[in-house]
Amino acid sequence: MSRREATLDAPAGGVCCPKLHEAVELVGKRWTGAILAVLLSGGSMRFSEVAQAVPQLSDRLLSERMKELEARGVVERAVHAGSPARVEYSLTEMGRELAPALTELQSWARRWLA
């Protein structure tokens, strides 16, 4: 692969793409990558199931991240009627399209991070 192929598309002068920066900031927030990975592998999940899959994550921070991801259109929240009401979270099409990027990041991490 040539140096040109290995670089991201950037305008002349090497200025960072604002959309790339925004995407990295969104996905790179603390615990967001883990939440996305869990939802990618688990499909539609209840809050408690996501919390169990990432045990180091506090309920408060999980709730905050879910709200952020829902507001950005990456996660959708479905409330199912019943007593008590059942709430499930799943990735939207936008969220599912992160799968290849997260897979590549995971491969990179396994190769390069101790």
PDB file of N, CA and C in Angstrom:
ATOM      1  N   MET A   1       0.840  -1.168   0.000  1.00  0.00           N
ATOM      2  CA  MET A   1       0.000   0.000   0.000  1.00  0.00           C
ATOM      3  C   MET A   1       0.890   1.237   0.000  1.00  0.00           C
ATOM      4  N   SER A   2       0.587   2.158  -0.862  1.00  0.00           N
ATOM      5  CA  SER A   2       1.392   3.369  -0.941  1.00  0.00           C
ATOM      6  C   SER A   2       1.022   4.322   0.182  1.00  0.00           C
ATOM      7  N   ARG A   3       1.901   5.272   0.415  1.00  0.00           N
ATOM      8  CA  ARG A   3       1.640   6.277   1.449  1.00  0.00           C
ATOM      9  C   ARG A   3       0.331   7.005   1.163  1.00  0.00           C
ATOM     10  N   ARG A   4       0.067   7.272  -0.091  1.00  0.00           N
ATOM     11  CA  ARG A   4      -1.166   7.975  -0.487  1.00  0.00           C
ATOM     12  C   ARG A   4      -2.393   7.137  -0.137  1.00  0.00           C
ATOM     13  N   GLU A   5      -2.343   5.818  -0.356  1.00  0.00           N
ATOM     14  CA  GLU A   5      -3.478   4.948  -0.068  1.00  0.00           C
ATOM     15  C   GLU A   5      -3.712   4.812   1.433  1.00  0.00           C
ATOM     16  N   ALA A   6      -2.659   4.941   2.211  1.00  0.00           N
ATOM     17  CA  ALA A   6      -2.757   4.732   3.646  1.00  0.00           C
ATOM     18  C   ALA A   6      -3.265   5.960   4.395  1.00  0.00           C
ATOM     19  N   THR A   7      -3.380   7.097   3.715  1.00  0.00           N
ATOM     20  CA  THR A   7      -3.836   8.307   4.398  1.00  0.00           C
ATOM     21  C   THR A   7      -5.314   8.534   4.168  1.00  0.00           C
ATOM     22  N   LEU A   8      -5.914   9.252   5.096  1.00  0.00           N
ATOM     23  CA  LEU A   8      -7.315   9.621   4.964  1.00  0.00           C
ATOM     24  C   LEU A   8      -7.435  10.804   4.021  1.00  0.00           C
ATOM     25  N   ASP A   9      -8.579  10.917   3.383  1.00  0.00           N
ATOM     26  CA  ASP A   9      -8.814  12.067   2.517  1.00  0.00           C
ATOM     27  C   ASP A   9      -8.812  13.332   3.357  1.00  0.00           C
ATOM     28  N   ALA A  10      -7.919  14.243   3.031  1.00  0.00           N
ATOM     29  CA  ALA A  10      -7.848  15.518   3.736  1.00  0.00           C
ATOM     30  C   ALA A  10      -7.664  16.621   2.716  1.00  0.00           C
ATOM     31  N   PRO A  11      -8.206  17.771   2.983  1.00  0.00           N
ATOM     32  CA  PRO A  11      -8.013  18.874   2.062  1.00  0.00           C
ATOM     33  C   PRO A  11      -6.535  19.258   1.985  1.00  0.00           C
ATOM     34  N   ALA A  12      -6.184  20.000   0.949  1.00  0.00           N
ATOM     35  CA  ALA A  12      -4.806  20.457   0.792  1.00  0.00           C
ATOM     36  C   ALA A  12      -4.354  21.153   2.065  1.00  0.00           C
ATOM     37  N   GLY A  13      -3.141  20.926   2.447  1.00  0.00           N
ATOM     38  CA  GLY A  13      -2.600  21.531   3.652  1.00  0.00           C
ATOM     39  C   GLY A  13      -2.721  20.640   4.875  1.00  0.00           C
ATOM     40  N   GLY A  14      -3.332  19.449   4.710  1.00  0.00           N
ATOM     41  CA  GLY A  14      -3.411  18.495   5.807  1.00  0.00           C
ATOM     42  C   GLY A  14      -4.365  18.882   6.930  1.00  0.00           C
ATOM     43  N   VAL A  15      -5.332  19.729   6.646  1.00  0.00           N
ATOM     44  CA  VAL A  15      -6.294  20.140   7.668  1.00  0.00           C
ATOM     45  C   VAL A  15      -7.224  18.978   7.997  1.00  0.00           C
ATOM     46  N   CYS A  16      -7.492  18.780   9.257  1.00  0.00           N
ATOM     47  CA  CYS A  16      -8.358  17.685   9.695  1.00  0.00           C
ATOM     48  C   CYS A  16      -9.788  17.918   9.224  1.00  0.00           C
ATOM     49  N   CYS A  17     -10.391  16.868   8.742  1.00  0.00           N
ATOM     50  CA  CYS A  17     -11.790  16.912   8.317  1.00  0.00           C
ATOM     51  C   CYS A  17     -12.670  17.057   9.556  1.00  0.00           C
ATOM     52  N   PRO A  18     -13.535  18.065   9.612  1.00  0.00           N
ATOM     53  CA  PRO A  18     -14.379  18.247  10.793  1.00  0.00           C
ATOM     54  C   PRO A  18     -15.337  17.079  11.032  1.00  0.00           C
ATOM     55  N   LYS A  19     -15.790  16.424   9.986  1.00  0.00           N
ATOM     56  CA  LYS A  19     -16.703  15.292  10.155  1.00  0.00           C
ATOM     57  C   LYS A  19     -15.959  14.091  10.747  1.00  0.00           C
ATOM     58  N   LEU A  20     -14.718  13.871  10.329  1.00  0.00           N
ATOM     59  CA  LEU A  20     -13.906  12.801  10.920  1.00  0.00           C
ATOM     60  C   LEU A  20     -13.691  13.091  12.401  1.00  0.00           C
ATOM     61  N   HIS A  21     -13.351  14.319  12.710  1.00  0.00           N
ATOM     62  CA  HIS A  21     -13.131  14.704  14.102  1.00  0.00           C
ATOM     63  C   HIS A  21     -14.398  14.467  14.923  1.00  0.00           C
ATOM     64  N   GLU A  22     -15.548  14.850  14.398  1.00  0.00           N
ATOM     65  CA  GLU A  22     -16.816  14.659  15.099  1.00  0.00           C
ATOM     66  C   GLU A  22     -17.107  13.173  15.322  1.00  0.00           C
ATOM     67  N   ALA A  23     -16.849  12.344  14.309  1.00  0.00           N
ATOM     68  CA  ALA A  23     -17.080  10.899  14.435  1.00  0.00           C
ATOM     69  C   ALA A  23     -16.166  10.277  15.482  1.00  0.00           C
ATOM     70  N   VAL A  24     -14.902  10.654  15.475  1.00  0.00           N
ATOM     71  CA  VAL A  24     -13.956  10.114  16.454  1.00  0.00           C
ATOM     72  C   VAL A  24     -14.342  10.561  17.860  1.00  0.00           C
ATOM     73  N   GLU A  25     -14.769  11.802  18.010  1.00  0.00           N
ATOM     74  CA  GLU A  25     -15.206  12.293  19.319  1.00  0.00           C
ATOM     75  C   GLU A  25     -16.439  11.547  19.806  1.00  0.00           C
ATOM     76  N   LEU A  26     -17.370  11.250  18.914  1.00  0.00           N
ATOM     77  CA  LEU A  26     -18.588  10.536  19.295  1.00  0.00           C
ATOM     78  C   LEU A  26     -18.276   9.104  19.722  1.00  0.00           C
ATOM     79  N   VAL A  27     -17.614   8.367  18.864  1.00  0.00           N
ATOM     80  CA  VAL A  27     -17.331   6.956  19.128  1.00  0.00           C
ATOM     81  C   VAL A  27     -16.236   6.791  20.184  1.00  0.00           C
ATOM     82  N   GLY A  28     -15.366   7.776  20.290  1.00  0.00           N
ATOM     83  CA  GLY A  28     -14.238   7.667  21.206  1.00  0.00           C
ATOM     84  C   GLY A  28     -14.513   8.101  22.632  1.00  0.00           C
ATOM     85  N   LYS A  29     -15.737   8.556  22.914  1.00  0.00           N
ATOM     86  CA  LYS A  29     -16.045   8.923  24.292  1.00  0.00           C
ATOM     87  C   LYS A  29     -15.904   7.706  25.193  1.00  0.00           C
ATOM     88  N   ARG A  30     -15.581   7.979  26.433  1.00  0.00           N
ATOM     89  CA  ARG A  30     -15.360   6.903  27.404  1.00  0.00           C
ATOM     90  C   ARG A  30     -16.530   5.919  27.409  1.00  0.00           C
ATOM     91  N   TRP A  31     -16.241   4.652  27.196  1.00  0.00           N
ATOM     92  CA  TRP A  31     -17.157   3.512  27.212  1.00  0.00           C
ATOM     93  C   TRP A  31     -18.062   3.409  25.984  1.00  0.00           C
ATOM     94  N   THR A  32     -18.089   4.395  25.116  1.00  0.00           N
ATOM     95  CA  THR A  32     -18.994   4.328  23.968  1.00  0.00           C
ATOM     96  C   THR A  32     -18.637   3.180  23.038  1.00  0.00           C
ATOM     97  N   GLY A  33     -17.360   2.974  22.776  1.00  0.00           N
ATOM     98  CA  GLY A  33     -16.940   1.870  21.915  1.00  0.00           C
ATOM     99  C   GLY A  33     -17.386   0.521  22.472  1.00  0.00           C
ATOM    100  N   ALA A  34     -17.272   0.348  23.780  1.00  0.00           N
ATOM    101  CA  ALA A  34     -17.693  -0.907  24.411  1.00  0.00           C
ATOM    102  C   ALA A  34     -19.202  -1.098  24.286  1.00  0.00           C
ATOM    103  N   ILE A  35     -19.959  -0.034  24.484  1.00  0.00           N
ATOM    104  CA  ILE A  35     -21.420  -0.110  24.349  1.00  0.00           C
ATOM    105  C   ILE A  35     -21.795  -0.479  22.926  1.00  0.00           C
ATOM    106  N   LEU A  36     -21.167   0.159  21.953  1.00  0.00           N
ATOM    107  CA  LEU A  36     -21.459  -0.140  20.550  1.00  0.00           C
ATOM    108  C   LEU A  36     -21.093  -1.579  20.205  1.00  0.00           C
ATOM    109  N   ALA A  37     -19.960  -2.047  20.686  1.00  0.00           N
ATOM    110  CA  ALA A  37     -19.544  -3.426  20.416  1.00  0.00           C
ATOM    111  C   ALA A  37     -20.540  -4.423  20.997  1.00  0.00           C
ATOM    112  N   VAL A  38     -21.022  -4.159  22.208  1.00  0.00           N
ATOM    113  CA  VAL A  38     -22.001  -5.037  22.851  1.00  0.00           C
ATOM    114  C   VAL A  38     -23.296  -5.060  22.045  1.00  0.00           C
ATOM    115  N   LEU A  39     -23.772  -3.905  21.620  1.00  0.00           N
ATOM    116  CA  LEU A  39     -25.011  -3.847  20.843  1.00  0.00           C
ATOM    117  C   LEU A  39     -24.840  -4.467  19.453  1.00  0.00           C
ATOM    118  N   LEU A  40     -23.646  -4.356  18.873  1.00  0.00           N
ATOM    119  CA  LEU A  40     -23.393  -4.994  17.575  1.00  0.00           C
ATOM    120  C   LEU A  40     -23.461  -6.508  17.693  1.00  0.00           C
ATOM    121  N   SER A  41     -22.928  -7.038  18.782  1.00  0.00           N
ATOM    122  CA  SER A  41     -22.909  -8.495  18.924  1.00  0.00           C
ATOM    123  C   SER A  41     -24.191  -9.045  19.547  1.00  0.00           C
ATOM    124  N   GLY A  42     -24.886  -8.219  20.338  1.00  0.00           N
ATOM    125  CA  GLY A  42     -26.047  -8.713  21.059  1.00  0.00           C
ATOM    126  C   GLY A  42     -27.395  -8.372  20.468  1.00  0.00           C
ATOM    127  N   GLY A  43     -27.416  -7.498  19.482  1.00  0.00           N
ATOM    128  CA  GLY A  43     -28.699  -7.092  18.910  1.00  0.00           C
ATOM    129  C   GLY A  43     -29.478  -6.219  19.875  1.00  0.00           C
ATOM    130  N   SER A  44     -30.782  -6.371  19.886  1.00  0.00           N
ATOM    131  CA  SER A  44     -31.649  -5.598  20.766  1.00  0.00           C
ATOM    132  C   SER A  44     -31.460  -6.072  22.209  1.00  0.00           C
ATOM    133  N   MET A  45     -31.166  -5.126  23.109  1.00  0.00           N
ATOM    134  CA  MET A  45     -30.847  -5.496  24.488  1.00  0.00           C
ATOM    135  C   MET A  45     -31.505  -4.549  25.470  1.00  0.00           C
ATOM    136  N   ARG A  46     -31.811  -5.086  26.631  1.00  0.00           N
ATOM    137  CA  ARG A  46     -32.308  -4.259  27.723  1.00  0.00           C
ATOM    138  C   ARG A  46     -31.124  -3.550  28.381  1.00  0.00           C
ATOM    139  N   PHE A  47     -31.428  -2.472  29.080  1.00  0.00           N
ATOM    140  CA  PHE A  47     -30.403  -1.689  29.766  1.00  0.00           C
ATOM    141  C   PHE A  47     -29.550  -2.581  30.664  1.00  0.00           C
ATOM    142  N   SER A  48     -30.216  -3.438  31.446  1.00  0.00           N
ATOM    143  CA  SER A  48     -29.499  -4.303  32.393  1.00  0.00           C
ATOM    144  C   SER A  48     -28.574  -5.282  31.668  1.00  0.00           C
ATOM    145  N   GLU A  49     -28.952  -5.714  30.471  1.00  0.00           N
ATOM    146  CA  GLU A  49     -28.101  -6.640  29.706  1.00  0.00           C
ATOM    147  C   GLU A  49     -26.838  -5.938  29.224  1.00  0.00           C
ATOM    148  N   VAL A  50     -26.982  -4.700  28.789  1.00  0.00           N
ATOM    149  CA  VAL A  50     -25.803  -3.927  28.373  1.00  0.00           C
ATOM    150  C   VAL A  50     -24.915  -3.697  29.593  1.00  0.00           C
ATOM    151  N   ALA A  51     -25.532  -3.342  30.717  1.00  0.00           N
ATOM    152  CA  ALA A  51     -24.769  -3.104  31.951  1.00  0.00           C
ATOM    153  C   ALA A  51     -24.000  -4.353  32.381  1.00  0.00           C
ATOM    154  N   GLN A  52     -24.614  -5.529  32.249  1.00  0.00           N
ATOM    155  CA  GLN A  52     -23.932  -6.779  32.616  1.00  0.00           C
ATOM    156  C   GLN A  52     -22.779  -7.080  31.660  1.00  0.00           C
ATOM    157  N   ALA A  53     -22.938  -6.720  30.404  1.00  0.00           N
ATOM    158  CA  ALA A  53     -21.897  -6.992  29.406  1.00  0.00           C
ATOM    159  C   ALA A  53     -20.686  -6.084  29.579  1.00  0.00           C
ATOM    160  N   VAL A  54     -20.875  -4.930  30.205  1.00  0.00           N
ATOM    161  CA  VAL A  54     -19.774  -3.996  30.477  1.00  0.00           C
ATOM    162  C   VAL A  54     -19.807  -3.678  31.976  1.00  0.00           C
ATOM    163  N   PRO A  55     -19.379  -4.628  32.818  1.00  0.00           N
ATOM    164  CA  PRO A  55     -19.565  -4.491  34.267  1.00  0.00           C
ATOM    165  C   PRO A  55     -18.837  -3.315  34.916  1.00  0.00           C
ATOM    166  N   GLN A  56     -17.768  -2.823  34.313  1.00  0.00           N
ATOM    167  CA  GLN A  56     -17.032  -1.705  34.917  1.00  0.00           C
ATOM    168  C   GLN A  56     -17.749  -0.371  34.722  1.00  0.00           C
ATOM    169  N   LEU A  57     -18.762  -0.349  33.870  1.00  0.00           N
ATOM    170  CA  LEU A  57     -19.486   0.871  33.514  1.00  0.00           C
ATOM    171  C   LEU A  57     -20.617   1.122  34.508  1.00  0.00           C
ATOM    172  N   SER A  58     -20.644   2.322  35.082  1.00  0.00           N
ATOM    173  CA  SER A  58     -21.707   2.656  36.043  1.00  0.00           C
ATOM    174  C   SER A  58     -23.035   2.857  35.304  1.00  0.00           C
ATOM    175  N   ASP A  59     -24.124   2.629  36.006  1.00  0.00           N
ATOM    176  CA  ASP A  59     -25.450   2.834  35.415  1.00  0.00           C
ATOM    177  C   ASP A  59     -25.644   4.285  34.983  1.00  0.00           C
ATOM    178  N   ARG A  60     -25.138   5.214  35.765  1.00  0.00           N
ATOM    179  CA  ARG A  60     -25.267   6.628  35.434  1.00  0.00           C
ATOM    180  C   ARG A  60     -24.586   6.956  34.107  1.00  0.00           C
ATOM    181  N   LEU A  61     -23.361   6.466  33.939  1.00  0.00           N
ATOM    182  CA  LEU A  61     -22.630   6.753  32.708  1.00  0.00           C
ATOM    183  C   LEU A  61     -23.235   6.001  31.527  1.00  0.00           C
ATOM    184  N   LEU A  62     -23.705   4.783  31.740  1.00  0.00           N
ATOM    185  CA  LEU A  62     -24.369   4.036  30.674  1.00  0.00           C
ATOM    186  C   LEU A  62     -25.617   4.792  30.208  1.00  0.00           C
ATOM    187  N   SER A  63     -26.394   5.274  31.142  1.00  0.00           N
ATOM    188  CA  SER A  63     -27.595   6.032  30.814  1.00  0.00           C
ATOM    189  C   SER A  63     -27.245   7.283  30.008  1.00  0.00           C
ATOM    190  N   GLU A  64     -26.209   7.976  30.430  1.00  0.00           N
ATOM    191  CA  GLU A  64     -25.756   9.186  29.736  1.00  0.00           C
ATOM    192  C   GLU A  64     -25.334   8.866  28.301  1.00  0.00           C
ATOM    193  N   ARG A  65     -24.534   7.814  28.139  1.00  0.00           N
ATOM    194  CA  ARG A  65     -24.063   7.447  26.799  1.00  0.00           C
ATOM    195  C   ARG A  65     -25.220   6.997  25.904  1.00  0.00           C
ATOM    196  N   MET A  66     -26.163   6.237  26.464  1.00  0.00           N
ATOM    197  CA  MET A  66     -27.308   5.784  25.670  1.00  0.00           C
ATOM    198  C   MET A  66     -28.123   6.976  25.180  1.00  0.00           C
ATOM    199  N   LYS A  67     -28.322   7.957  26.049  1.00  0.00           N
ATOM    200  CA  LYS A  67     -29.067   9.157  25.654  1.00  0.00           C
ATOM    201  C   LYS A  67     -28.338   9.912  24.548  1.00  0.00           C
ATOM    202  N   GLU A  68     -27.015  10.026  24.671  1.00  0.00           N
ATOM    203  CA  GLU A  68     -26.218  10.705  23.637  1.00  0.00           C
ATOM    204  C   GLU A  68     -26.315   9.967  22.308  1.00  0.00           C
ATOM    205  N   LEU A  69     -26.156   8.642  22.358  1.00  0.00           N
ATOM    206  CA  LEU A  69     -26.206   7.849  21.124  1.00  0.00           C
ATOM    207  C   LEU A  69     -27.601   7.875  20.499  1.00  0.00           C
ATOM    208  N   GLU A  70     -28.617   7.894  21.326  1.00  0.00           N
ATOM    209  CA  GLU A  70     -29.985   7.985  20.816  1.00  0.00           C
ATOM    210  C   GLU A  70     -30.216   9.354  20.169  1.00  0.00           C
ATOM    211  N   ALA A  71     -29.751  10.411  20.811  1.00  0.00           N
ATOM    212  CA  ALA A  71     -29.909  11.764  20.275  1.00  0.00           C
ATOM    213  C   ALA A  71     -29.196  11.927  18.936  1.00  0.00           C
ATOM    214  N   ARG A  72     -28.089  11.219  18.750  1.00  0.00           N
ATOM    215  CA  ARG A  72     -27.327  11.301  17.499  1.00  0.00           C
ATOM    216  C   ARG A  72     -27.849  10.352  16.430  1.00  0.00           C
ATOM    217  N   GLY A  73     -28.821   9.511  16.779  1.00  0.00           N
ATOM    218  CA  GLY A  73     -29.403   8.599  15.800  1.00  0.00           C
ATOM    219  C   GLY A  73     -28.646   7.302  15.616  1.00  0.00           C
ATOM    220  N   VAL A  74     -27.747   6.990  16.543  1.00  0.00           N
ATOM    221  CA  VAL A  74     -26.938   5.771  16.457  1.00  0.00           C
ATOM    222  C   VAL A  74     -27.658   4.602  17.140  1.00  0.00           C
ATOM    223  N   VAL A  75     -28.397   4.909  18.195  1.00  0.00           N
ATOM    224  CA  VAL A  75     -29.130   3.910  18.976  1.00  0.00           C
ATOM    225  C   VAL A  75     -30.597   4.305  18.992  1.00  0.00           C
ATOM    226  N   GLU A  76     -31.468   3.287  18.962  1.00  0.00           N
ATOM    227  CA  GLU A  76     -32.885   3.574  19.146  1.00  0.00           C
ATOM    228  C   GLU A  76     -33.388   2.859  20.390  1.00  0.00           C
ATOM    229  N   ARG A  77     -34.341   3.492  21.033  1.00  0.00           N
ATOM    230  CA  ARG A  77     -34.913   3.007  22.287  1.00  0.00           C
ATOM    231  C   ARG A  77     -36.360   2.637  22.012  1.00  0.00           C
ATOM    232  N   ALA A  78     -36.722   1.404  22.330  1.00  0.00           N
ATOM    233  CA  ALA A  78     -38.092   0.935  22.119  1.00  0.00           C
ATOM    234  C   ALA A  78     -38.700   0.569  23.465  1.00  0.00           C
ATOM    235  N   VAL A  79     -39.874   1.139  23.742  1.00  0.00           N
ATOM    236  CA  VAL A  79     -40.590   0.841  24.978  1.00  0.00           C
ATOM    237  C   VAL A  79     -41.723  -0.113  24.629  1.00  0.00           C
ATOM    238  N   HIS A  80     -41.715  -1.274  25.281  1.00  0.00           N
ATOM    239  CA  HIS A  80     -42.746  -2.289  25.053  1.00  0.00           C
ATOM    240  C   HIS A  80     -43.724  -2.270  26.221  1.00  0.00           C
ATOM    241  N   ALA A  81     -44.998  -2.204  25.889  1.00  0.00           N
ATOM    242  CA  ALA A  81     -46.047  -2.129  26.915  1.00  0.00           C
ATOM    243  C   ALA A  81     -46.030  -3.369  27.792  1.00  0.00           C
ATOM    244  N   GLY A  82     -46.468  -3.190  28.983  1.00  0.00           N
ATOM    245  CA  GLY A  82     -46.533  -4.288  29.945  1.00  0.00           C
ATOM    246  C   GLY A  82     -46.359  -3.737  31.337  1.00  0.00           C
ATOM    247  N   SER A  83     -46.400  -4.621  32.279  1.00  0.00           N
ATOM    248  CA  SER A  83     -46.205  -4.191  33.651  1.00  0.00           C
ATOM    249  C   SER A  83     -45.116  -5.049  34.280  1.00  0.00           C
ATOM    250  N   PRO A  84     -43.949  -4.528  34.489  1.00  0.00           N
ATOM    251  CA  PRO A  84     -43.521  -3.168  34.146  1.00  0.00           C
ATOM    252  C   PRO A  84     -43.198  -3.046  32.662  1.00  0.00           C
ATOM    253  N   ALA A  85     -43.143  -1.815  32.176  1.00  0.00           N
ATOM    254  CA  ALA A  85     -42.786  -1.576  30.774  1.00  0.00           C
ATOM    255  C   ALA A  85     -41.369  -2.089  30.529  1.00  0.00           C
ATOM    256  N   ARG A  86     -41.150  -2.637  29.348  1.00  0.00           N
ATOM    257  CA  ARG A  86     -39.834  -3.176  28.989  1.00  0.00           C
ATOM    258  C   ARG A  86     -39.197  -2.244  27.962  1.00  0.00           C
ATOM    259  N   VAL A  87     -37.984  -1.811  28.233  1.00  0.00           N
ATOM    260  CA  VAL A  87     -37.260  -0.911  27.336  1.00  0.00           C
ATOM    261  C   VAL A  87     -36.087  -1.672  26.739  1.00  0.00           C
ATOM    262  N   GLU A  88     -35.964  -1.610  25.421  1.00  0.00           N
ATOM    263  CA  GLU A  88     -34.841  -2.253  24.729  1.00  0.00           C
ATOM    264  C   GLU A  88     -34.123  -1.232  23.862  1.00  0.00           C
ATOM    265  N   TYR A  89     -32.828  -1.440  23.745  1.00  0.00           N
ATOM    266  CA  TYR A  89     -31.982  -0.576  22.929  1.00  0.00           C
ATOM    267  C   TYR A  89     -31.404  -1.406  21.788  1.00  0.00           C
ATOM    268  N   SER A  90     -31.324  -0.790  20.627  1.00  0.00           N
ATOM    269  CA  SER A  90     -30.698  -1.452  19.490  1.00  0.00           C
ATOM    270  C   SER A  90     -30.044  -0.390  18.617  1.00  0.00           C
ATOM    271  N   LEU A  91     -29.151  -0.842  17.765  1.00  0.00           N
ATOM    272  CA  LEU A  91     -28.486   0.078  16.851  1.00  0.00           C
ATOM    273  C   LEU A  91     -29.392   0.388  15.672  1.00  0.00           C
ATOM    274  N   THR A  92     -29.346   1.615  15.230  1.00  0.00           N
ATOM    275  CA  THR A  92     -30.042   2.010  14.014  1.00  0.00           C
ATOM    276  C   THR A  92     -29.179   1.580  12.822  1.00  0.00           C
ATOM    277  N   GLU A  93     -29.648   1.836  11.633  1.00  0.00           N
ATOM    278  CA  GLU A  93     -28.834   1.541  10.448  1.00  0.00           C
ATOM    279  C   GLU A  93     -27.507   2.284  10.536  1.00  0.00           C
ATOM    280  N   MET A  94     -27.557   3.537  10.987  1.00  0.00           N
ATOM    281  CA  MET A  94     -26.328   4.321  11.132  1.00  0.00           C
ATOM    282  C   MET A  94     -25.368   3.636  12.104  1.00  0.00           C
ATOM    283  N   GLY A  95     -25.893   3.147  13.210  1.00  0.00           N
ATOM    284  CA  GLY A  95     -25.062   2.468  14.198  1.00  0.00           C
ATOM    285  C   GLY A  95     -24.485   1.170  13.680  1.00  0.00           C
ATOM    286  N   ARG A  96     -25.308   0.395  12.955  1.00  0.00           N
ATOM    287  CA  ARG A  96     -24.822  -0.885  12.412  1.00  0.00           C
ATOM    288  C   ARG A  96     -23.724  -0.672  11.364  1.00  0.00           C
ATOM    289  N   GLU A  97     -23.753   0.472  10.704  1.00  0.00           N
ATOM    290  CA  GLU A  97     -22.711   0.755   9.708  1.00  0.00           C
ATOM    291  C   GLU A  97     -21.353   1.035  10.339  1.00  0.00           C
ATOM    292  N   LEU A  98     -21.305   1.136  11.649  1.00  0.00           N
ATOM    293  CA  LEU A  98     -20.027   1.286  12.350  1.00  0.00           C
ATOM    294  C   LEU A  98     -19.284  -0.040  12.494  1.00  0.00           C
ATOM    295  N   ALA A  99     -19.950  -1.148  12.210  1.00  0.00           N
ATOM    296  CA  ALA A  99     -19.352  -2.471  12.413  1.00  0.00           C
ATOM    297  C   ALA A  99     -17.979  -2.624  11.750  1.00  0.00           C
ATOM    298  N   PRO A 100     -17.818  -2.303  10.459  1.00  0.00           N
ATOM    299  CA  PRO A 100     -16.488  -2.487   9.856  1.00  0.00           C
ATOM    300  C   PRO A 100     -15.407  -1.630  10.523  1.00  0.00           C
ATOM    301  N   ALA A 101     -15.744  -0.392  10.879  1.00  0.00           N
ATOM    302  CA  ALA A 101     -14.768   0.486  11.524  1.00  0.00           C
ATOM    303  C   ALA A 101     -14.370  -0.054  12.892  1.00  0.00           C
ATOM    304  N   LEU A 102     -15.352  -0.519  13.668  1.00  0.00           N
ATOM    305  CA  LEU A 102     -15.042  -1.063  14.992  1.00  0.00           C
ATOM    306  C   LEU A 102     -14.264  -2.369  14.893  1.00  0.00           C
ATOM    307  N   THR A 103     -14.572  -3.180  13.891  1.00  0.00           N
ATOM    308  CA  THR A 103     -13.825  -4.427  13.677  1.00  0.00           C
ATOM    309  C   THR A 103     -12.370  -4.121  13.351  1.00  0.00           C
ATOM    310  N   GLU A 104     -12.142  -3.145  12.484  1.00  0.00           N
ATOM    311  CA  GLU A 104     -10.762  -2.759  12.134  1.00  0.00           C
ATOM    312  C   GLU A 104     -10.035  -2.178  13.342  1.00  0.00           C
ATOM    313  N   LEU A 105     -10.719  -1.370  14.128  1.00  0.00           N
ATOM    314  CA  LEU A 105     -10.102  -0.799  15.324  1.00  0.00           C
ATOM    315  C   LEU A 105      -9.737  -1.891  16.321  1.00  0.00           C
ATOM    316  N   GLN A 106     -10.616  -2.872  16.466  1.00  0.00           N
ATOM    317  CA  GLN A 106     -10.336  -3.991  17.360  1.00  0.00           C
ATOM    318  C   GLN A 106      -9.125  -4.781  16.865  1.00  0.00           C
ATOM    319  N   SER A 107      -9.036  -5.016  15.562  1.00  0.00           N
ATOM    320  CA  SER A 107      -7.872  -5.721  14.994  1.00  0.00           C
ATOM    321  C   SER A 107      -6.592  -4.940  15.247  1.00  0.00           C
ATOM    322  N   TRP A 108      -6.657  -3.654  15.026  1.00  0.00           N
ATOM    323  CA  TRP A 108      -5.487  -2.785  15.267  1.00  0.00           C
ATOM    324  C   TRP A 108      -5.075  -2.873  16.729  1.00  0.00           C
ATOM    325  N   ALA A 109      -6.063  -2.795  17.626  1.00  0.00           N
ATOM    326  CA  ALA A 109      -5.767  -2.824  19.071  1.00  0.00           C
ATOM    327  C   ALA A 109      -5.112  -4.145  19.466  1.00  0.00           C
ATOM    328  N   ARG A 110      -5.593  -5.240  18.921  1.00  0.00           N
ATOM    329  CA  ARG A 110      -4.991  -6.543  19.248  1.00  0.00           C
ATOM    330  C   ARG A 110      -3.554  -6.637  18.767  1.00  0.00           C
ATOM    331  N   ARG A 111      -3.269  -6.016  17.611  1.00  0.00           N
ATOM    332  CA  ARG A 111      -1.911  -6.054  17.066  1.00  0.00           C
ATOM    333  C   ARG A 111      -0.949  -5.121  17.811  1.00  0.00           C
ATOM    334  N   TRP A 112      -1.412  -3.947  18.200  1.00  0.00           N
ATOM    335  CA  TRP A 112      -0.498  -2.918  18.654  1.00  0.00           C
ATOM    336  C   TRP A 112      -0.561  -2.539  20.117  1.00  0.00           C
ATOM    337  N   LEU A 113      -1.635  -2.844  20.806  1.00  0.00           N
ATOM    338  CA  LEU A 113      -1.722  -2.438  22.205  1.00  0.00           C
ATOM    339  C   LEU A 113      -1.398  -3.589  23.127  1.00  0.00           C
ATOM    340  N   ALA A 114      -0.597  -3.300  24.111  1.00  0.00           N
ATOM    341  CA  ALA A 114      -0.153  -4.338  25.048  1.00  0.00           C
ATOM    342  C   ALA A 114      -1.293  -4.774  25.951  1.00  0.00           C
TER     343      ALA A 114
END
